[in-house]
Protein backbone atom coordinates (compact mmCIF):
# COMPACT_ATOMS: atom_id res chain seq x y z
CA ILE A 1 107.44 115.75 107.77
CA CYS A 2 106.29 118.60 110.04
CA VAL A 3 109.87 119.87 110.44
CA SER A 4 110.38 119.74 106.67
CA ARG A 5 107.11 121.60 106.19
CA ASP A 6 108.11 124.27 108.71
CA LEU A 7 111.43 124.69 106.90
CA GLY A 8 109.64 124.93 103.55
CA ALA A 9 111.44 121.82 102.35
CA LEU A 10 108.63 119.34 101.77
CA PRO A 11 109.56 116.66 99.25
CA ARG A 12 108.04 117.00 95.79
CA ARG A 13 108.86 113.53 94.46
CA THR A 14 108.19 110.03 95.75
CA LYS A 15 111.89 109.20 96.09
CA GLU A 16 112.49 112.37 98.09
CA PHE A 17 109.57 111.53 100.40
CA ALA A 18 110.83 107.95 100.85
CA ALA A 19 114.29 109.28 101.72
CA LEU A 20 112.78 111.69 104.27
CA VAL A 21 110.82 108.87 105.94
CA ALA A 22 113.89 106.60 105.91
CA ARG A 23 115.99 109.31 107.62
CA ALA A 24 113.27 109.88 110.22
CA LYS A 25 112.78 106.18 111.01
CA GLY A 26 116.42 105.18 110.96
CA VAL A 27 117.66 101.65 110.42
CA GLU A 28 114.98 98.96 110.37
CA TYR A 29 115.44 95.42 111.58
CA GLN A 30 113.36 94.05 108.69
CA PRO A 31 114.74 93.70 105.17
CA MET A 32 112.28 96.19 103.64
CA HIS A 33 112.46 99.84 102.79
CA PRO A 34 111.76 102.00 105.86
CA ALA A 35 109.10 103.98 103.98
CA LYS A 36 107.14 100.92 102.80
CA LEU A 37 104.62 100.96 105.65
CA THR A 38 104.23 104.73 105.42
CA PHE A 39 103.35 104.49 101.73
CA GLN A 40 101.03 101.57 102.47
CA ALA A 41 99.21 103.60 105.14
CA LEU A 42 98.86 106.56 102.76
CA ARG A 43 97.53 104.29 99.99
CA ILE A 44 95.01 102.63 102.33
CA HIS A 45 93.78 106.02 103.54
CA LEU A 46 93.66 107.78 100.17
CA ASN A 47 91.92 104.86 98.41
CA ASP A 48 89.58 104.26 101.37
CA GLU A 49 90.53 100.59 101.09
CA PHE A 50 88.99 99.57 104.40
CA GLY A 51 85.77 101.37 103.50
CA GLU A 52 85.77 99.60 100.13
CA LEU A 53 86.29 96.27 101.88
CA ARG A 54 83.35 96.92 104.24
CA ARG A 55 81.11 97.98 101.34
CA GLY A 56 82.14 94.91 99.35
CA LEU A 57 81.38 92.59 102.28
CA LEU A 58 78.00 94.23 102.79
CA ALA A 59 77.18 93.87 99.07
CA GLY A 60 78.17 90.21 99.27
CA PHE A 61 75.81 89.64 102.19
CA GLU A 62 72.99 91.42 100.39
CA ILE A 63 73.12 89.02 97.41
CA LEU A 64 73.92 85.89 99.41
CA LYS A 65 71.11 83.36 99.31
CA PRO A 66 70.02 81.49 102.49
CA GLY A 67 72.52 78.73 103.18
CA GLY A 68 75.06 80.39 100.87
CA ARG A 69 78.70 80.92 101.69
CA LEU A 70 80.94 83.93 101.35
CA GLY A 71 84.69 83.43 101.29
CA VAL A 72 87.17 86.24 101.87
CA ILE A 73 90.95 86.00 101.55
CA THR A 74 93.01 88.64 103.34
CA TRP A 75 96.70 89.32 103.29
CA LYS A 76 97.33 91.77 106.09
CA HIS A 77 96.39 91.48 109.77
CA SER A 78 94.44 94.75 109.66
CA GLU A 79 92.29 93.43 106.79
CA CYS A 80 91.71 90.15 108.62
CA ALA A 81 90.64 91.97 111.78
CA LEU A 82 88.21 94.11 109.80
CA VAL A 83 86.68 91.04 108.10
CA MET A 84 86.38 89.16 111.42
CA ASP A 85 84.65 92.13 113.09
CA PHE A 86 82.29 92.41 110.12
CA PHE A 87 81.40 88.70 110.24
CA ARG A 88 80.80 88.89 114.00
CA GLU A 89 78.18 91.58 113.39
CA PHE A 90 76.29 89.31 110.98
CA GLU A 91 76.74 85.87 112.48
CA GLU A 92 73.69 83.83 113.34
CA ALA A 93 73.33 80.55 115.17
CA ARG A 94 71.32 77.62 113.89
CA ASP A 95 68.21 76.78 115.89
CA ASP A 96 69.98 73.70 117.29
CA ALA A 97 73.14 75.60 118.30
CA PRO A 98 74.24 74.87 121.89
CA GLN A 99 74.47 78.53 122.90
CA LEU A 100 70.94 79.18 121.60
CA ARG A 101 69.58 76.26 123.60
CA TRP A 102 71.46 77.55 126.65
CA TYR A 103 70.11 81.09 126.18
CA ARG A 104 66.53 79.92 125.81
CA ALA A 105 66.89 77.84 128.99
CA GLN A 106 67.75 80.98 131.02
CA GLU A 107 64.80 82.08 133.09
CA GLY A 108 63.59 85.55 132.12
CA ALA A 109 65.70 85.75 128.97
CA PRO A 110 64.01 88.06 126.44
CA GLU A 111 62.80 86.56 123.16
CA LEU A 112 65.35 86.84 120.37
CA LYS A 113 64.71 88.14 116.88
CA ARG A 114 65.26 85.78 113.94
CA ALA A 115 68.74 87.15 113.25
CA TRP A 116 70.72 87.25 116.45
CA ALA A 117 74.17 86.61 117.83
CA LEU A 118 75.64 86.36 121.31
CA ARG A 119 78.83 88.36 121.88
CA MET A 120 81.48 86.03 123.25
CA ASP A 121 84.26 88.43 124.29
């Protein structure tokens, strides 16, 4: 793309851009068009799809009643990773959860707020 730009030969149509990407990437081992992932990345960026997903998840949590459930179906790995990271930020343990009992049994452990989570990396 940069070489085409420097030569003043940037594509003006989608098909031309797809052909440019295909030439740059060469033959793919998967049975899909070589420019598919490039167009997907552009679409995700231009539509702020990950930002929209985060805002949608946050809105869901804001209207969720205590004891309620929120289900999310993802298709791509990147979406799944984003959803999992989001849920990890908001997870809470029940008062009878084993890790909460363990934490409270630790001498000198600071008191936890009502909403808390232990990072288990």
